[in-house]
Amino acid sequence: MSEMDWKQARETLLYSPKHGYDRISDGDRTELESYCAAYMDFLGKAKTEREAVIRAVAEAEAAGFRPYDPAQGVRPGDKRYRVNRGKSVTFFVAGQKPVQEGVRFAAAHIDSPRLDLKPRPLYEDQELALFKTHYYGGVKKYQWTALPLSLHGVLALTDGSVLRVSIGEDPGDPVFCVTDLLPHLSAEQMKKTLAEGVTGENLNVLVGSAPLPGDTGESKRIQLAVMMLLHRKYGVTEADFLSAELSLVPALPVREVGLDRSMIGAYGHDDRVCAYAGLKPLMEMAEPPVHTAVCILADKEEIGSMGVTGLQSQELDLLMEQLCGGTGLRQCYASSVCLSIDVAAAYDPTYGEVYERRNSAMLNYGVAVCKYTGARGKSGASDASGELVARFRRTFDRADVCWQLCELGKVDAGGGGTVAQFMANRNIDTLDAGVPVLSMHAPWEVVGKLDCYMTMKACRAFYGME
């Protein structure tokens, strides 16, 4: 063989992933920055699943979406949405073909790890007022200490009214925090494992320290002062915590990361970065797709997709049954394809010992495609068929999408799952893909801008999949 023959053979026969920035066009670079700026704005205003629903609906309505009314039916090109109990939402654009001939589902989740308030959260100890919390999702508890936190959620009152709460996001707002033990007195704490050093019951949030002027009572002076402030602002009593849904999340703004501004740092990338990537192409859809395109933004993924707003509920089945006109739901599912868009673990060289380098997602190499997730022996996984992976390869390559195939980490290092298994259980061919993330589930996660953009571009191509 000549030198050129060897070079050609190497390029043709061997597979070597390429850095995304070595592949994208000037047009992609321009659209990338515009898309990421819009995503950063969205994420900064959507720190809980309820807020994500509100923001997503507002953007979708501006793009022509309207609430779905089963009595009115839909025609090709109609843009509709349905909110499920304020915490999940499904958007769709009606296609040219009947839904019984298949749908293109993009399924993401909009809940993230956080600290939820307990039903009776407020207490006073040594003249400090604190909230008791119950962490939600998979967290490293020590990461939530000595961190500015904001309070988000709703107060549902017995008169039927629901009050929205957001304290700590505006520059003039106070913030809250979980205190940590000073190094000078932490000798015993430092002997413990990271998992034991801070316990769930120690995630108590500091909310006040001053009594009401003139209050010389013997007990609960600080607690009463805090309740007086809440009563003045919201008209509530301590009993109203019993029907509240309040959470503490990091009071940190969304920021560009790195001297080159090639990354985005924020709370809640998992999984709102994929949720926005699935929604954006629907909002921009000018012509009716061949197959109805559906974007599901689900709740409760971080705790198993349980409950009425999780993807194991029958809400999706009800919606699709209505779109099917009461007949052919099973045929619809059997003919459909789902892209389960959830984040992947980006290779971190600082902790390289838990990754298998050849099969890890790299930052800014494009959307990370996972044939299967799960733990160790693929437990809890939806293992896509080779035929389905080939179908997606063809779709992404034709649309010039930068993509990479990956696993979560080393086989016996741990693992995790997505909503893919719950879509696959409906007899829907399903593949996982999403944005690689550094510091996943931490209060401050990092993603690459190119991966964010390519995940959106992948969803755009998917909605038009043959």
Protein backbone atom coordinates (compact mmCIF):
# COMPACT_ATOMS: atom_id res chain seq x y z
CA MET A 1 0.00 0.00 0.00
CA SER A 2 1.11 3.56 -0.63
CA GLU A 3 1.30 6.13 2.16
CA MET A 4 -1.97 7.64 0.95
CA ASP A 5 -3.64 4.22 0.94
CA TRP A 6 -2.70 3.67 4.57
CA LYS A 7 -3.95 7.10 5.53
CA GLN A 8 -7.22 6.55 3.70
CA ALA A 9 -7.64 3.12 5.26
CA ARG A 10 -7.02 4.52 8.74
CA GLU A 11 -9.62 7.25 8.26
CA THR A 12 -12.11 4.86 6.71
CA LEU A 13 -11.77 1.78 8.90
CA LEU A 14 -10.84 3.08 12.34
CA TYR A 15 -13.13 5.13 14.57
CA SER A 16 -11.76 8.15 16.39
CA PRO A 17 -14.17 10.73 17.86
CA LYS A 18 -13.34 14.33 16.99
CA HIS A 19 -13.63 17.42 19.16
CA GLY A 20 -16.82 19.29 18.34
CA TYR A 21 -15.10 22.61 17.75
CA ASP A 22 -13.02 20.97 15.02
CA ARG A 23 -16.19 20.02 13.19
CA ILE A 24 -18.73 22.83 13.45
CA SER A 25 -19.31 25.49 10.81
CA ASP A 26 -19.24 29.25 11.27
CA GLY A 27 -23.03 29.22 11.05
CA ASP A 28 -23.22 26.68 13.85
CA ARG A 29 -20.92 28.80 16.01
CA THR A 30 -23.20 31.82 15.64
CA GLU A 31 -26.35 29.84 16.38
CA LEU A 32 -24.59 28.09 19.28
CA GLU A 33 -23.98 31.35 21.14
CA SER A 34 -27.52 32.59 20.48
CA TYR A 35 -29.06 29.32 21.65
CA CYS A 36 -26.93 29.14 24.81
CA ALA A 37 -27.79 32.72 25.74
CA ALA A 38 -31.50 31.84 25.50
CA TYR A 39 -30.96 28.68 27.54
CA MET A 40 -29.07 30.57 30.27
CA ASP A 41 -31.93 33.04 30.53
CA PHE A 42 -34.43 30.19 30.79
CA LEU A 43 -32.45 28.32 33.45
CA GLY A 44 -31.94 31.40 35.60
CA LYS A 45 -35.71 31.77 35.95
CA ALA A 46 -36.55 28.06 36.36
CA LYS A 47 -35.02 26.72 39.56
CA THR A 48 -37.85 24.32 40.41
CA GLU A 49 -40.10 22.13 38.30
CA ARG A 50 -43.03 24.50 38.90
CA GLU A 51 -41.01 27.47 37.69
CA ALA A 52 -39.75 25.47 34.71
CA VAL A 53 -43.34 24.74 33.70
CA ILE A 54 -44.34 28.40 34.02
CA ARG A 55 -41.35 29.59 32.00
CA ALA A 56 -41.68 26.87 29.35
CA VAL A 57 -45.37 27.60 28.85
CA ALA A 58 -44.72 31.34 28.58
CA GLU A 59 -42.08 30.82 25.87
CA ALA A 60 -44.24 28.26 24.05
CA GLU A 61 -47.30 30.52 24.05
CA ALA A 62 -45.18 33.29 22.58
CA ALA A 63 -44.36 30.81 19.81
CA GLY A 64 -48.02 30.04 19.12
CA PHE A 65 -48.79 27.13 21.46
CA ARG A 66 -52.22 26.94 23.08
CA PRO A 67 -53.75 24.67 25.78
CA TYR A 68 -54.98 21.36 24.42
CA ASP A 69 -58.74 20.85 24.42
CA PRO A 70 -59.69 17.25 23.48
CA ALA A 71 -63.15 18.43 22.44
CA GLN A 72 -61.72 20.63 19.68
CA GLY A 73 -59.38 18.10 18.11
CA VAL A 74 -56.20 19.04 16.28
CA ARG A 75 -55.11 19.57 12.69
CA PRO A 76 -51.63 19.16 11.19
CA GLY A 77 -49.38 21.95 12.39
CA ASP A 78 -51.44 22.79 15.50
CA LYS A 79 -49.23 23.60 18.49
CA ARG A 80 -50.70 22.51 21.81
CA TYR A 81 -49.66 21.81 25.41
CA ARG A 82 -51.10 20.32 28.57
CA VAL A 83 -49.91 21.05 32.12
CA ASN A 84 -50.17 18.29 34.69
CA ARG A 85 -50.81 19.69 38.18
CA GLY A 86 -48.40 22.56 37.69
CA LYS A 87 -45.29 20.36 37.86
CA SER A 88 -45.01 18.65 34.49
CA VAL A 89 -46.06 19.63 30.99
CA THR A 90 -46.31 18.05 27.55
CA PHE A 91 -46.01 20.03 24.32
CA PHE A 92 -46.81 18.72 20.85
CA VAL A 93 -47.05 19.78 17.23
CA ALA A 94 -49.61 17.74 15.31
CA GLY A 95 -48.16 15.85 12.37
CA GLN A 96 -49.38 15.07 8.89
CA LYS A 97 -49.86 11.37 9.60
CA PRO A 98 -52.34 9.95 12.13
CA VAL A 99 -50.78 9.39 15.55
CA GLN A 100 -51.53 5.67 15.21
CA GLU A 101 -48.74 5.62 12.62
CA GLY A 102 -46.21 6.74 15.21
CA VAL A 103 -45.07 9.72 17.24
CA ARG A 104 -41.64 11.24 17.89
CA PHE A 105 -41.36 11.57 21.68
CA ALA A 106 -38.59 13.60 23.33
CA ALA A 107 -38.74 12.96 27.08
CA ALA A 108 -36.81 14.98 29.65
CA HIS A 109 -37.32 15.90 33.30
CA ILE A 110 -37.39 19.26 35.03
CA ASP A 111 -36.88 18.32 38.69
CA SER A 112 -33.41 18.57 40.26
CA PRO A 113 -31.81 17.62 43.60
CA ARG A 114 -32.65 20.10 46.35
CA LEU A 115 -33.58 20.52 50.03
CA ASP A 116 -37.33 20.29 50.70
CA LEU A 117 -38.82 21.71 53.88
CA LYS A 118 -40.33 19.17 56.26
CA PRO A 119 -44.07 19.54 57.08
CA ARG A 120 -43.20 21.23 60.40
CA PRO A 121 -39.94 22.91 59.46
CA LEU A 122 -39.62 25.99 61.68
CA TYR A 123 -38.00 25.72 65.10
CA GLU A 124 -35.81 27.72 67.46
CA ASP A 125 -32.65 26.48 69.18
CA GLN A 126 -30.42 28.67 71.33
CA GLU A 127 -32.04 31.80 69.92
CA LEU A 128 -31.51 30.86 66.29
CA ALA A 129 -34.44 30.13 63.99
CA LEU A 130 -33.97 27.25 61.57
CA PHE A 131 -35.83 25.14 59.00
CA LYS A 132 -35.71 21.36 59.08
CA THR A 133 -35.24 19.87 55.61
CA HIS A 134 -35.51 16.55 53.82
CA TYR A 135 -33.15 16.29 50.86
CA TYR A 136 -34.65 15.35 47.50
CA GLY A 137 -32.80 13.17 45.01
CA GLY A 138 -29.23 11.95 44.97
CA VAL A 139 -27.09 14.53 46.75
CA LYS A 140 -23.71 14.65 48.42
CA LYS A 141 -24.93 16.24 51.63
CA TYR A 142 -21.68 17.96 52.51
CA GLN A 143 -21.93 20.03 49.29
CA TRP A 144 -25.00 21.82 50.64
CA THR A 145 -23.31 23.46 53.63
CA ALA A 146 -21.91 27.02 53.71
CA LEU A 147 -23.76 27.84 50.49
CA PRO A 148 -26.22 30.70 49.82
CA LEU A 149 -29.69 29.26 49.33
CA SER A 150 -32.98 30.69 48.09
CA LEU A 151 -36.49 29.61 49.07
CA HIS A 152 -38.90 28.61 46.28
CA GLY A 153 -42.29 26.96 46.08
CA VAL A 154 -45.91 27.43 47.01
CA LEU A 155 -48.10 27.86 50.08
CA ALA A 156 -51.43 26.09 49.48
CA LEU A 157 -54.02 27.53 51.86
CA THR A 158 -57.26 26.01 53.11
CA ASP A 159 -59.33 28.67 51.34
CA GLY A 160 -58.15 27.25 48.02
CA SER A 161 -55.64 29.96 47.23
CA VAL A 162 -52.03 29.12 46.29
CA LEU A 163 -49.27 31.63 46.99
CA ARG A 164 -46.00 31.51 45.07
CA VAL A 165 -42.83 31.98 47.10
CA SER A 166 -39.42 33.10 45.83
CA ILE A 167 -36.97 34.62 48.30
CA GLY A 168 -33.27 34.96 47.65
CA GLU A 169 -32.99 35.50 43.89
CA ASP A 170 -33.25 39.28 43.62
CA PRO A 171 -30.12 41.28 44.57
CA GLY A 172 -31.95 42.93 47.47
CA ASP A 173 -33.32 39.67 48.88
CA PRO A 174 -31.90 37.90 51.93
CA VAL A 175 -30.55 34.38 51.43
CA PHE A 176 -30.34 31.33 53.69
CA CYS A 177 -27.70 28.73 54.44
CA VAL A 178 -26.82 25.44 56.12
CA THR A 179 -23.97 26.13 58.52
CA ASP A 180 -20.80 24.04 58.64
CA LEU A 181 -18.41 23.16 61.45
CA LEU A 182 -15.24 25.21 61.70
CA PRO A 183 -11.95 23.33 61.01
CA HIS A 184 -10.69 24.14 64.50
CA LEU A 185 -13.40 21.94 66.08
CA SER A 186 -13.94 19.35 63.38
CA ALA A 187 -11.32 16.76 64.31
CA GLU A 188 -13.93 14.06 64.93
CA GLN A 189 -16.00 15.06 61.90
CA MET A 190 -12.94 14.80 59.66
CA LYS A 191 -12.43 11.17 60.71
CA LYS A 192 -15.77 10.25 59.19
CA THR A 193 -16.43 9.37 55.56
CA LEU A 194 -17.80 12.04 53.23
CA ALA A 195 -21.19 10.33 53.45
CA GLU A 196 -21.18 10.44 57.26
CA GLY A 197 -19.62 13.85 57.87
CA VAL A 198 -22.90 15.68 57.28
CA THR A 199 -26.12 13.78 57.93
CA GLY A 200 -29.56 14.44 56.52
CA GLU A 201 -30.80 15.64 59.90
CA ASN A 202 -27.94 18.16 60.04
CA LEU A 203 -29.12 19.95 56.91
CA ASN A 204 -30.85 22.62 58.98
CA VAL A 205 -31.26 26.00 57.30
CA LEU A 206 -30.56 29.23 59.17
CA VAL A 207 -33.44 31.68 58.73
CA GLY A 208 -33.31 34.20 61.59
CA SER A 209 -31.57 35.42 64.74
CA ALA A 210 -33.31 38.60 65.95
CA PRO A 211 -36.40 38.85 68.21
CA LEU A 212 -39.21 41.30 67.64
CA PRO A 213 -38.61 44.73 69.16
CA GLY A 214 -40.08 44.82 72.65
CA ASP A 215 -40.69 41.05 72.83
CA THR A 216 -39.42 39.92 76.23
CA GLY A 217 -41.09 36.50 76.18
CA GLU A 218 -39.20 33.57 77.62
CA SER A 219 -39.33 31.24 74.60
CA LYS A 220 -39.60 31.12 70.78
CA ARG A 221 -38.88 34.83 70.39
CA ILE A 222 -36.85 34.32 67.21
CA GLN A 223 -39.30 31.78 65.82
CA LEU A 224 -42.16 34.19 66.38
CA ALA A 225 -40.23 37.01 64.70
CA VAL A 226 -39.72 34.87 61.61
CA MET A 227 -43.40 33.95 61.49
CA MET A 228 -44.37 37.59 61.86
CA LEU A 229 -42.27 38.43 58.79
CA LEU A 230 -43.88 35.61 56.80
CA HIS A 231 -47.34 36.62 57.98
CA ARG A 232 -46.71 40.21 56.94
CA LYS A 233 -45.55 39.14 53.47
CA TYR A 234 -47.91 36.23 52.73
CA GLY A 235 -50.64 36.36 55.39
CA VAL A 236 -49.84 32.82 56.61
CA THR A 237 -49.50 31.11 59.98
CA GLU A 238 -47.18 28.31 61.02
CA ALA A 239 -49.97 25.79 60.43
CA ASP A 240 -49.87 26.67 56.72
CA PHE A 241 -46.51 24.92 56.41
CA LEU A 242 -48.50 21.69 56.69
CA SER A 243 -49.80 22.16 53.13
CA ALA A 244 -46.78 23.96 51.69
CA GLU A 245 -44.37 22.81 49.02
CA LEU A 246 -41.19 24.76 49.68
CA SER A 247 -37.61 24.00 48.68
CA LEU A 248 -34.16 25.46 49.19
CA VAL A 249 -32.00 25.70 46.07
CA PRO A 250 -28.65 27.42 45.45
CA ALA A 251 -28.96 31.19 45.23
CA LEU A 252 -26.38 31.30 42.46
CA PRO A 253 -26.75 32.97 39.04
CA VAL A 254 -26.11 31.20 35.75
CA ARG A 255 -22.60 32.10 34.58
CA GLU A 256 -20.26 31.47 31.69
CA VAL A 257 -17.26 29.40 32.78
CA GLY A 258 -13.68 29.59 31.57
CA LEU A 259 -11.56 32.33 30.04
CA ASP A 260 -12.86 31.22 26.65
CA ARG A 261 -16.50 31.29 27.89
CA SER A 262 -17.00 27.82 26.38
CA MET A 263 -18.90 26.40 29.35
CA ILE A 264 -21.96 27.23 31.47
CA GLY A 265 -22.07 26.87 35.24
CA ALA A 266 -25.37 26.72 37.10
CA TYR A 267 -27.67 24.83 39.41
CA GLY A 268 -30.16 22.51 37.71
CA HIS A 269 -28.54 21.58 34.38
CA ASP A 270 -29.74 18.05 35.24
CA ASP A 271 -32.06 17.95 33.46
CA ARG A 272 -33.34 21.35 32.38
CA VAL A 273 -30.49 21.61 29.88
CA CYS A 274 -32.08 18.72 27.97
CA ALA A 275 -35.64 19.89 28.63
CA TYR A 276 -34.90 23.17 26.89
CA ALA A 277 -33.12 21.36 24.06
CA GLY A 278 -36.27 19.30 23.47
CA LEU A 279 -38.64 22.26 23.63
CA LYS A 280 -36.74 24.79 21.53
CA PRO A 281 -37.05 22.98 18.14
CA LEU A 282 -40.80 22.53 18.69
CA MET A 283 -41.21 26.26 19.26
CA GLU A 284 -39.34 26.99 16.04
CA MET A 285 -41.23 24.44 13.91
CA ALA A 286 -42.73 26.34 10.96
CA GLU A 287 -44.25 23.44 8.99
CA PRO A 288 -46.24 20.43 10.21
CA PRO A 289 -43.92 17.48 10.84
CA VAL A 290 -44.63 14.17 9.14
CA HIS A 291 -45.15 12.49 12.52
CA THR A 292 -46.61 14.28 15.55
CA ALA A 293 -43.72 15.67 17.60
CA VAL A 294 -44.10 15.51 21.39
CA CYS A 295 -41.87 17.00 24.09
CA ILE A 296 -42.48 15.68 27.60
CA LEU A 297 -41.10 17.66 30.55
CA ALA A 298 -41.67 15.33 33.48
CA ASP A 299 -41.35 15.59 37.23
CA LYS A 300 -39.99 13.21 39.89
CA GLU A 301 -37.24 11.58 37.79
CA GLU A 302 -34.73 12.14 40.57
CA ILE A 303 -36.74 9.87 42.88
CA GLY A 304 -37.82 7.19 40.43
CA SER A 305 -40.46 8.96 38.29
CA MET A 306 -43.15 7.99 40.80
CA GLY A 307 -46.42 9.78 41.48
CA VAL A 308 -49.00 11.58 39.38
CA THR A 309 -46.49 13.97 37.80
CA GLY A 310 -43.79 11.36 37.13
CA LEU A 311 -43.42 9.48 33.88
CA GLN A 312 -44.74 6.28 35.44
CA SER A 313 -48.16 7.89 35.84
CA GLN A 314 -50.97 7.42 33.32
CA GLU A 315 -51.10 11.11 32.36
CA LEU A 316 -49.17 10.53 29.14
CA ASP A 317 -51.36 7.54 28.29
CA LEU A 318 -54.49 9.64 28.80
CA LEU A 319 -53.20 12.43 26.57
CA MET A 320 -52.15 10.06 23.81
CA GLU A 321 -55.42 8.13 24.02
CA GLN A 322 -57.27 11.40 23.47
CA LEU A 323 -55.06 12.23 20.49
CA CYS A 324 -55.78 8.74 19.13
CA GLY A 325 -59.50 9.41 19.36
CA GLY A 326 -59.94 6.54 21.80
CA THR A 327 -58.63 3.85 19.45
CA GLY A 328 -55.18 2.60 18.51
CA LEU A 329 -53.11 3.71 21.51
CA ARG A 330 -51.08 0.50 21.57
CA GLN A 331 -50.47 0.72 17.84
CA CYS A 332 -49.38 4.33 18.30
CA TYR A 333 -46.80 3.32 20.89
CA ALA A 334 -45.55 0.34 18.89
CA SER A 335 -44.97 2.59 15.87
CA SER A 336 -43.33 5.42 17.84
CA VAL A 337 -39.75 6.33 18.71
CA CYS A 338 -38.54 8.09 21.85
CA LEU A 339 -35.39 10.09 22.49
CA SER A 340 -34.93 10.06 26.25
CA ILE A 341 -32.94 13.27 26.70
CA ASP A 342 -31.09 13.25 30.00
CA VAL A 343 -27.60 14.34 30.97
CA ALA A 344 -24.56 12.08 30.84
CA ALA A 345 -21.43 12.04 32.99
CA ALA A 346 -18.64 14.03 31.34
CA TYR A 347 -15.15 12.59 31.72
CA ASP A 348 -13.34 14.37 34.55
CA PRO A 349 -9.54 13.82 34.49
CA THR A 350 -9.31 14.72 38.17
CA TYR A 351 -11.34 11.60 38.98
CA GLY A 352 -10.33 9.51 35.99
CA GLU A 353 -10.13 6.32 38.02
CA VAL A 354 -13.94 5.82 37.93
CA TYR A 355 -14.25 6.36 34.17
CA GLU A 356 -13.46 4.06 31.27
CA ARG A 357 -11.86 6.59 28.97
CA ARG A 358 -12.66 4.94 25.63
CA ASN A 359 -16.37 4.82 26.44
CA SER A 360 -16.85 8.08 28.33
CA ALA A 361 -18.55 11.26 27.19
CA MET A 362 -16.14 14.14 26.63
CA LEU A 363 -17.00 17.79 27.11
CA ASN A 364 -17.68 19.60 23.82
CA TYR A 365 -17.62 16.47 21.68
CA GLY A 366 -21.35 16.75 21.06
CA VAL A 367 -24.56 15.15 22.32
CA ALA A 368 -23.80 12.01 24.33
CA VAL A 369 -25.72 8.95 23.12
CA CYS A 370 -26.14 6.09 25.62
CA LYS A 371 -27.24 2.76 24.24
CA TYR A 372 -27.99 1.72 27.81
CA THR A 373 -27.71 3.20 31.30
CA GLY A 374 -28.35 1.33 34.55
CA ALA A 375 -26.01 0.13 37.27
CA ARG A 376 -23.33 -2.55 37.06
CA GLY A 377 -25.05 -5.34 35.11
CA LYS A 378 -27.27 -2.76 33.34
CA SER A 379 -29.80 -2.94 36.20
CA GLY A 380 -32.63 -0.48 35.60
CA ALA A 381 -31.57 0.17 32.02
CA SER A 382 -33.42 0.49 28.76
CA ASP A 383 -31.01 -1.23 26.38
CA ALA A 384 -31.68 0.08 22.87
CA SER A 385 -31.33 -2.32 19.95
CA GLY A 386 -28.49 -2.04 17.47
CA GLU A 387 -31.03 -1.34 14.75
CA LEU A 388 -32.38 1.65 16.68
CA VAL A 389 -28.90 3.03 17.33
CA ALA A 390 -28.11 2.72 13.62
CA ARG A 391 -31.31 4.60 12.81
CA PHE A 392 -30.27 7.46 15.07
CA ARG A 393 -26.72 7.44 13.67
CA ARG A 394 -28.16 7.93 10.20
CA THR A 395 -30.49 10.71 11.37
CA PHE A 396 -27.79 12.63 13.26
CA ASP A 397 -25.18 12.27 10.54
CA ARG A 398 -27.56 13.56 7.87
CA ALA A 399 -28.29 16.61 10.05
CA ASP A 400 -24.58 17.23 10.73
CA VAL A 401 -25.03 16.70 14.48
CA CYS A 402 -21.85 16.23 16.52
CA TRP A 403 -22.49 13.15 18.66
CA GLN A 404 -20.59 10.60 20.71
CA LEU A 405 -21.46 7.20 22.19
CA CYS A 406 -20.80 6.70 25.90
CA GLU A 407 -21.43 4.90 29.17
CA LEU A 408 -21.79 6.46 32.61
CA GLY A 409 -18.48 5.19 34.01
CA LYS A 410 -16.62 1.98 34.80
CA VAL A 411 -18.87 -1.08 34.89
CA ASP A 412 -18.68 -1.67 38.65
CA ALA A 413 -18.17 1.96 39.71
CA GLY A 414 -21.90 2.60 40.20
CA GLY A 415 -24.50 3.72 37.71
CA GLY A 416 -27.79 5.48 37.21
CA GLY A 417 -30.93 5.54 35.13
CA THR A 418 -33.23 7.80 33.16
CA VAL A 419 -36.88 7.86 32.14
CA ALA A 420 -36.05 5.70 29.11
CA GLN A 421 -37.17 2.49 30.80
CA PHE A 422 -40.66 3.89 31.44
CA MET A 423 -41.10 4.88 27.80
CA ALA A 424 -39.72 1.53 26.64
CA ASN A 425 -42.16 -0.27 28.96
CA ARG A 426 -44.92 1.26 26.82
CA ASN A 427 -43.50 -0.65 23.84
CA ILE A 428 -41.82 2.46 22.43
CA ASP A 429 -38.36 2.11 20.87
CA THR A 430 -36.24 4.36 23.10
CA LEU A 431 -32.67 5.66 23.08
CA ASP A 432 -30.91 7.80 25.69
CA ALA A 433 -28.99 10.93 24.71
CA GLY A 434 -28.12 14.23 26.35
CA VAL A 435 -25.59 16.79 27.50
CA PRO A 436 -22.40 15.65 29.31
CA VAL A 437 -22.12 17.28 32.75
CA LEU A 438 -19.22 17.88 35.14
CA SER A 439 -20.09 17.81 38.87
CA MET A 440 -23.49 16.24 38.18
CA HIS A 441 -26.00 16.61 41.06
CA ALA A 442 -23.79 19.18 42.78
CA PRO A 443 -25.27 22.59 43.64
CA TRP A 444 -23.14 23.97 40.79
CA GLU A 445 -22.90 21.89 37.60
CA VAL A 446 -20.89 22.62 34.45
CA VAL A 447 -21.76 21.87 30.80
CA GLY A 448 -20.12 22.68 27.48
CA LYS A 449 -21.89 25.15 25.21
CA LEU A 450 -21.27 23.03 22.13
CA ASP A 451 -22.91 20.01 23.77
CA CYS A 452 -25.95 22.10 24.74
CA TYR A 453 -26.36 23.28 21.18
CA MET A 454 -25.78 19.88 19.62
CA THR A 455 -28.36 18.28 21.91
CA MET A 456 -30.91 20.81 20.65
CA LYS A 457 -29.81 20.14 17.08
CA ALA A 458 -30.15 16.40 17.72
CA CYS A 459 -33.74 16.91 18.93
CA ARG A 460 -34.48 19.03 15.87
CA ALA A 461 -33.28 16.22 13.62
CA PHE A 462 -35.12 13.61 15.67
CA TYR A 463 -38.51 15.30 15.28
CA GLY A 464 -38.09 14.85 11.53
CA MET A 465 -36.81 11.26 11.74
CA GLU A 466 -38.14 8.97 9.03
